[in-house]
Amino acid sequence: WSAARRRLAARYNELLADCELVLPFVAAAAEPVWHLYVIRTPQRDALLEALNRQGIGAGVHYPVPLHLQPAYAHLGYRAGQMPVTEEVAATCLSLPLYPELSDAQQDAVVAAVRAFLGQ
């Protein structure tokens, strides 16, 4: 499963390389198993809606930054105190990635992302 996920993530990286998106960064010594394939775009909510309308199961896995979670309210953090974290949380979108995802299905995801971006 991990090998299939790695192959699909590498394929996303290749197929989306020229798009106006922030793609996942992987350090040279790392070998992730790609539980999620997360891109970033300031148009996250509109892209999510467009993909979901086409039956593409993209999603937002971590919409609320840790410092704003109710469990950490006692620490007293407020919105605006960690702007980078908040921006990342507001722009992250997980594209479909699972071992059985076919190249044709992945091509459809990429085509939908490109169509949304006008690329």
N, C-alpha and C. Protein backbone atom coordinates (compact mmCIF):
# COMPACT_ATOMS: atom_id res chain seq x y z
N TRP A 1 0.82 -1.19 0.00
CA TRP A 1 0.00 0.00 0.00
C TRP A 1 0.87 1.25 0.00
N SER A 2 1.89 1.23 0.80
CA SER A 2 2.76 2.42 0.87
C SER A 2 3.42 2.68 -0.48
N ALA A 3 3.86 1.64 -1.15
CA ALA A 3 4.49 1.82 -2.46
C ALA A 3 3.49 2.41 -3.46
N ALA A 4 2.25 1.96 -3.42
CA ALA A 4 1.22 2.50 -4.32
C ALA A 4 0.96 3.96 -4.01
N ARG A 5 0.89 4.31 -2.73
CA ARG A 5 0.67 5.70 -2.34
C ARG A 5 1.84 6.58 -2.78
N ARG A 6 3.05 6.07 -2.63
CA ARG A 6 4.23 6.83 -3.04
C ARG A 6 4.21 7.08 -4.55
N ARG A 7 3.84 6.07 -5.31
CA ARG A 7 3.77 6.22 -6.76
C ARG A 7 2.73 7.26 -7.14
N LEU A 8 1.57 7.21 -6.50
CA LEU A 8 0.50 8.16 -6.81
C LEU A 8 0.89 9.58 -6.39
N ALA A 9 1.55 9.72 -5.25
CA ALA A 9 1.99 11.06 -4.81
C ALA A 9 3.01 11.62 -5.78
N ALA A 10 3.94 10.79 -6.23
CA ALA A 10 4.94 11.24 -7.21
C ALA A 10 4.25 11.66 -8.50
N ARG A 11 3.22 10.93 -8.87
CA ARG A 11 2.47 11.25 -10.09
C ARG A 11 1.74 12.59 -9.93
N TYR A 12 1.09 12.81 -8.76
CA TYR A 12 0.46 14.12 -8.50
C TYR A 12 1.53 15.21 -8.62
N ASN A 13 2.68 15.00 -7.99
CA ASN A 13 3.74 16.01 -8.04
C ASN A 13 4.10 16.35 -9.49
N GLU A 14 4.21 15.35 -10.31
CA GLU A 14 4.56 15.55 -11.72
C GLU A 14 3.43 16.25 -12.48
N LEU A 15 2.21 15.77 -12.30
CA LEU A 15 1.08 16.29 -13.08
C LEU A 15 0.63 17.69 -12.65
N LEU A 16 0.95 18.07 -11.42
CA LEU A 16 0.53 19.38 -10.90
C LEU A 16 1.69 20.37 -10.76
N ALA A 17 2.86 19.97 -11.18
CA ALA A 17 4.07 20.77 -10.95
C ALA A 17 3.97 22.19 -11.49
N ASP A 18 3.29 22.39 -12.60
CA ASP A 18 3.23 23.72 -13.20
C ASP A 18 1.97 24.49 -12.83
N CYS A 19 1.21 23.98 -11.88
CA CYS A 19 -0.02 24.66 -11.45
C CYS A 19 0.27 25.68 -10.35
N GLU A 20 -0.62 26.64 -10.24
CA GLU A 20 -0.48 27.65 -9.19
C GLU A 20 -1.04 27.10 -7.88
N LEU A 21 -0.28 26.17 -7.33
CA LEU A 21 -0.61 25.51 -6.07
C LEU A 21 0.68 25.36 -5.27
N VAL A 22 0.55 25.23 -3.97
CA VAL A 22 1.68 24.83 -3.15
C VAL A 22 1.56 23.32 -2.98
N LEU A 23 2.54 22.60 -3.50
CA LEU A 23 2.54 21.14 -3.40
C LEU A 23 3.31 20.71 -2.16
N PRO A 24 3.10 19.49 -1.71
CA PRO A 24 3.80 19.02 -0.50
C PRO A 24 5.31 19.04 -0.69
N PHE A 25 6.01 19.41 0.36
CA PHE A 25 7.47 19.39 0.37
C PHE A 25 7.92 18.14 1.11
N VAL A 26 8.89 17.46 0.54
CA VAL A 26 9.45 16.28 1.19
C VAL A 26 10.96 16.45 1.23
N ALA A 27 11.51 16.37 2.41
CA ALA A 27 12.97 16.47 2.57
C ALA A 27 13.63 15.28 1.88
N ALA A 28 14.84 15.49 1.41
CA ALA A 28 15.55 14.47 0.63
C ALA A 28 15.69 13.14 1.38
N ALA A 29 15.91 13.18 2.66
CA ALA A 29 16.12 11.95 3.43
C ALA A 29 14.82 11.29 3.87
N ALA A 30 13.69 11.91 3.59
CA ALA A 30 12.40 11.39 4.05
C ALA A 30 11.80 10.43 3.03
N GLU A 31 10.99 9.51 3.52
CA GLU A 31 10.26 8.59 2.66
C GLU A 31 8.84 8.46 3.23
N PRO A 32 7.98 9.46 2.95
CA PRO A 32 6.64 9.44 3.54
C PRO A 32 5.78 8.31 2.98
N VAL A 33 4.78 7.94 3.74
CA VAL A 33 3.83 6.92 3.27
C VAL A 33 2.59 7.56 2.66
N TRP A 34 2.52 8.88 2.67
CA TRP A 34 1.44 9.62 2.01
C TRP A 34 0.06 9.20 2.49
N HIS A 35 -0.14 9.31 3.79
CA HIS A 35 -1.49 9.12 4.34
C HIS A 35 -2.45 10.08 3.67
N LEU A 36 -2.00 11.31 3.44
CA LEU A 36 -2.77 12.33 2.73
C LEU A 36 -1.87 12.99 1.69
N TYR A 37 -2.49 13.49 0.61
CA TYR A 37 -1.77 14.32 -0.34
C TYR A 37 -2.42 15.71 -0.25
N VAL A 38 -1.72 16.62 0.41
CA VAL A 38 -2.29 17.93 0.74
C VAL A 38 -1.64 19.03 -0.10
N ILE A 39 -2.48 19.73 -0.83
CA ILE A 39 -2.04 20.90 -1.59
C ILE A 39 -2.51 22.14 -0.84
N ARG A 40 -1.99 23.30 -1.25
CA ARG A 40 -2.46 24.56 -0.66
C ARG A 40 -2.81 25.52 -1.77
N THR A 41 -3.93 26.22 -1.57
CA THR A 41 -4.37 27.26 -2.48
C THR A 41 -5.25 28.25 -1.72
N PRO A 42 -5.12 29.54 -2.01
CA PRO A 42 -6.00 30.51 -1.36
C PRO A 42 -7.46 30.33 -1.80
N GLN A 43 -7.68 29.58 -2.86
CA GLN A 43 -9.03 29.32 -3.35
C GLN A 43 -9.55 27.96 -2.86
N ARG A 44 -9.06 27.50 -1.72
CA ARG A 44 -9.34 26.18 -1.21
C ARG A 44 -10.83 25.84 -1.18
N ASP A 45 -11.65 26.70 -0.59
CA ASP A 45 -13.07 26.38 -0.43
C ASP A 45 -13.78 26.27 -1.77
N ALA A 46 -13.46 27.16 -2.70
CA ALA A 46 -14.09 27.11 -4.02
C ALA A 46 -13.62 25.88 -4.79
N LEU A 47 -12.34 25.54 -4.69
CA LEU A 47 -11.83 24.35 -5.36
C LEU A 47 -12.46 23.10 -4.76
N LEU A 48 -12.55 23.05 -3.46
CA LEU A 48 -13.19 21.91 -2.78
C LEU A 48 -14.62 21.73 -3.29
N GLU A 49 -15.36 22.81 -3.34
CA GLU A 49 -16.75 22.75 -3.81
C GLU A 49 -16.81 22.27 -5.26
N ALA A 50 -15.93 22.78 -6.11
CA ALA A 50 -15.91 22.38 -7.52
C ALA A 50 -15.59 20.89 -7.65
N LEU A 51 -14.62 20.40 -6.90
CA LEU A 51 -14.28 18.99 -6.97
C LEU A 51 -15.41 18.12 -6.45
N ASN A 52 -15.98 18.50 -5.31
CA ASN A 52 -17.07 17.71 -4.74
C ASN A 52 -18.29 17.67 -5.65
N ARG A 53 -18.57 18.77 -6.36
CA ARG A 53 -19.68 18.80 -7.32
C ARG A 53 -19.48 17.77 -8.43
N GLN A 54 -18.23 17.48 -8.74
CA GLN A 54 -17.91 16.51 -9.79
C GLN A 54 -17.77 15.09 -9.24
N GLY A 55 -18.09 14.92 -7.97
CA GLY A 55 -18.00 13.60 -7.36
C GLY A 55 -16.60 13.21 -6.94
N ILE A 56 -15.71 14.18 -6.85
CA ILE A 56 -14.33 13.92 -6.43
C ILE A 56 -14.24 14.16 -4.94
N GLY A 57 -13.83 13.15 -4.21
CA GLY A 57 -13.82 13.20 -2.76
C GLY A 57 -12.62 13.89 -2.15
N ALA A 58 -12.42 15.14 -2.48
CA ALA A 58 -11.39 15.94 -1.82
C ALA A 58 -11.95 16.38 -0.46
N GLY A 59 -11.08 16.77 0.44
CA GLY A 59 -11.56 17.17 1.75
C GLY A 59 -10.58 18.04 2.50
N VAL A 60 -11.07 18.57 3.61
CA VAL A 60 -10.25 19.38 4.51
C VAL A 60 -10.14 18.59 5.81
N HIS A 61 -8.94 18.13 6.12
CA HIS A 61 -8.78 17.27 7.28
C HIS A 61 -8.52 18.04 8.58
N TYR A 62 -7.88 19.17 8.50
CA TYR A 62 -7.51 19.90 9.72
C TYR A 62 -7.87 21.38 9.55
N PRO A 63 -9.16 21.71 9.58
CA PRO A 63 -9.58 23.08 9.30
C PRO A 63 -9.33 24.08 10.43
N VAL A 64 -9.18 23.60 11.65
CA VAL A 64 -8.99 24.50 12.80
C VAL A 64 -7.58 24.30 13.34
N PRO A 65 -6.78 25.36 13.35
CA PRO A 65 -5.42 25.23 13.88
C PRO A 65 -5.44 24.76 15.34
N LEU A 66 -4.40 24.07 15.71
CA LEU A 66 -4.31 23.48 17.05
C LEU A 66 -4.52 24.52 18.15
N HIS A 67 -3.92 25.68 18.01
CA HIS A 67 -4.01 26.68 19.08
C HIS A 67 -5.42 27.26 19.23
N LEU A 68 -6.30 27.00 18.26
CA LEU A 68 -7.68 27.48 18.35
C LEU A 68 -8.68 26.36 18.64
N GLN A 69 -8.18 25.17 18.90
CA GLN A 69 -9.04 24.04 19.25
C GLN A 69 -9.61 24.25 20.66
N PRO A 70 -10.85 23.88 20.88
CA PRO A 70 -11.44 24.03 22.22
C PRO A 70 -10.62 23.38 23.34
N ALA A 71 -9.96 22.28 23.05
CA ALA A 71 -9.18 21.59 24.08
C ALA A 71 -8.02 22.45 24.59
N TYR A 72 -7.61 23.43 23.79
CA TYR A 72 -6.49 24.27 24.18
C TYR A 72 -6.91 25.70 24.53
N ALA A 73 -8.19 25.92 24.67
CA ALA A 73 -8.70 27.26 24.98
C ALA A 73 -8.09 27.81 26.28
N HIS A 74 -7.81 26.94 27.21
CA HIS A 74 -7.25 27.39 28.49
C HIS A 74 -5.87 28.04 28.34
N LEU A 75 -5.23 27.86 27.20
CA LEU A 75 -3.92 28.48 26.97
C LEU A 75 -4.05 29.95 26.56
N GLY A 76 -5.26 30.34 26.17
CA GLY A 76 -5.53 31.75 25.91
C GLY A 76 -5.15 32.27 24.53
N TYR A 77 -4.83 31.41 23.61
CA TYR A 77 -4.51 31.89 22.27
C TYR A 77 -5.77 32.38 21.56
N ARG A 78 -5.57 33.40 20.71
CA ARG A 78 -6.67 33.97 19.94
C ARG A 78 -6.32 33.95 18.47
N ALA A 79 -7.34 34.05 17.64
CA ALA A 79 -7.11 34.14 16.20
C ALA A 79 -6.21 35.33 15.92
N GLY A 80 -5.27 35.13 15.02
CA GLY A 80 -4.34 36.19 14.66
C GLY A 80 -2.99 36.08 15.34
N GLN A 81 -2.90 35.27 16.37
CA GLN A 81 -1.63 35.16 17.10
C GLN A 81 -0.63 34.22 16.43
N MET A 82 -1.10 33.34 15.57
CA MET A 82 -0.23 32.44 14.82
C MET A 82 -0.65 32.50 13.35
N PRO A 83 -0.32 33.60 12.69
CA PRO A 83 -0.84 33.83 11.34
C PRO A 83 -0.40 32.81 10.30
N VAL A 84 0.79 32.27 10.40
CA VAL A 84 1.23 31.28 9.42
C VAL A 84 0.42 30.00 9.59
N THR A 85 0.29 29.56 10.82
CA THR A 85 -0.50 28.36 11.12
C THR A 85 -1.94 28.54 10.64
N GLU A 86 -2.49 29.70 10.88
CA GLU A 86 -3.88 29.97 10.48
C GLU A 86 -4.03 30.00 8.96
N GLU A 87 -3.03 30.56 8.28
CA GLU A 87 -3.08 30.59 6.81
C GLU A 87 -3.00 29.17 6.24
N VAL A 88 -2.11 28.37 6.79
CA VAL A 88 -1.99 26.99 6.32
C VAL A 88 -3.30 26.24 6.54
N ALA A 89 -3.90 26.39 7.70
CA ALA A 89 -5.17 25.72 7.98
C ALA A 89 -6.27 26.16 7.03
N ALA A 90 -6.23 27.41 6.60
CA ALA A 90 -7.28 27.96 5.72
C ALA A 90 -7.07 27.63 4.25
N THR A 91 -5.89 27.12 3.90
CA THR A 91 -5.58 26.90 2.48
C THR A 91 -5.30 25.44 2.12
N CYS A 92 -5.27 24.55 3.08
CA CYS A 92 -4.95 23.14 2.84
C CYS A 92 -6.15 22.37 2.29
N LEU A 93 -5.88 21.53 1.30
CA LEU A 93 -6.91 20.68 0.70
C LEU A 93 -6.30 19.32 0.39
N SER A 94 -6.94 18.27 0.86
CA SER A 94 -6.47 16.91 0.61
C SER A 94 -7.13 16.37 -0.66
N LEU A 95 -6.29 15.97 -1.61
CA LEU A 95 -6.79 15.34 -2.83
C LEU A 95 -6.93 13.84 -2.58
N PRO A 96 -7.78 13.18 -3.35
CA PRO A 96 -7.94 11.73 -3.16
C PRO A 96 -6.61 11.00 -3.33
N LEU A 97 -6.31 10.13 -2.39
CA LEU A 97 -5.10 9.32 -2.45
C LEU A 97 -5.34 8.06 -1.63
N TYR A 98 -5.40 6.95 -2.32
CA TYR A 98 -5.55 5.65 -1.68
C TYR A 98 -4.94 4.62 -2.62
N PRO A 99 -4.47 3.50 -2.11
CA PRO A 99 -3.71 2.56 -2.93
C PRO A 99 -4.43 2.09 -4.20
N GLU A 100 -5.74 2.01 -4.16
CA GLU A 100 -6.49 1.50 -5.31
C GLU A 100 -6.86 2.59 -6.32
N LEU A 101 -6.46 3.83 -6.09
CA LEU A 101 -6.76 4.91 -7.02
C LEU A 101 -6.08 4.60 -8.36
N SER A 102 -6.87 4.56 -9.42
CA SER A 102 -6.30 4.24 -10.73
C SER A 102 -5.69 5.49 -11.35
N ASP A 103 -4.83 5.28 -12.33
CA ASP A 103 -4.26 6.41 -13.04
C ASP A 103 -5.36 7.23 -13.71
N ALA A 104 -6.37 6.56 -14.25
CA ALA A 104 -7.48 7.26 -14.90
C ALA A 104 -8.25 8.12 -13.90
N GLN A 105 -8.48 7.60 -12.70
CA GLN A 105 -9.16 8.38 -11.67
C GLN A 105 -8.30 9.57 -11.25
N GLN A 106 -7.01 9.34 -11.10
CA GLN A 106 -6.12 10.43 -10.73
C GLN A 106 -6.05 11.48 -11.84
N ASP A 107 -6.04 11.02 -13.08
CA ASP A 107 -6.06 11.95 -14.21
C ASP A 107 -7.31 12.83 -14.16
N ALA A 108 -8.45 12.25 -13.77
CA ALA A 108 -9.69 13.02 -13.66
C ALA A 108 -9.59 14.07 -12.56
N VAL A 109 -8.97 13.72 -11.44
CA VAL A 109 -8.77 14.69 -10.36
C VAL A 109 -7.90 15.83 -10.86
N VAL A 110 -6.80 15.50 -11.49
CA VAL A 110 -5.87 16.52 -12.00
C VAL A 110 -6.56 17.40 -13.03
N ALA A 111 -7.33 16.79 -13.93
CA ALA A 111 -8.03 17.57 -14.95
C ALA A 111 -9.01 18.54 -14.31
N ALA A 112 -9.71 18.10 -13.26
CA ALA A 112 -10.67 18.96 -12.58
C ALA A 112 -9.96 20.11 -11.87
N VAL A 113 -8.83 19.84 -11.24
CA VAL A 113 -8.05 20.88 -10.57
C VAL A 113 -7.57 21.90 -11.60
N ARG A 114 -7.01 21.39 -12.70
CA ARG A 114 -6.52 22.28 -13.76
C ARG A 114 -7.65 23.12 -14.37
N ALA A 115 -8.80 22.50 -14.59
CA ALA A 115 -9.92 23.24 -15.15
C ALA A 115 -10.34 24.37 -14.21
N PHE A 116 -10.39 24.07 -12.92
CA PHE A 116 -10.75 25.09 -11.93
C PHE A 116 -9.76 26.25 -11.98
N LEU A 117 -8.48 25.92 -12.06
CA LEU A 117 -7.43 26.94 -12.05
C LEU A 117 -7.27 27.62 -13.40
N GLY A 118 -7.93 27.10 -14.43
CA GLY A 118 -7.78 27.64 -15.76
C GLY A 118 -6.43 27.32 -16.35
N GLN A 119 -5.89 26.18 -15.96
CA GLN A 119 -4.57 25.78 -16.43
C GLN A 119 -4.69 24.46 -17.13
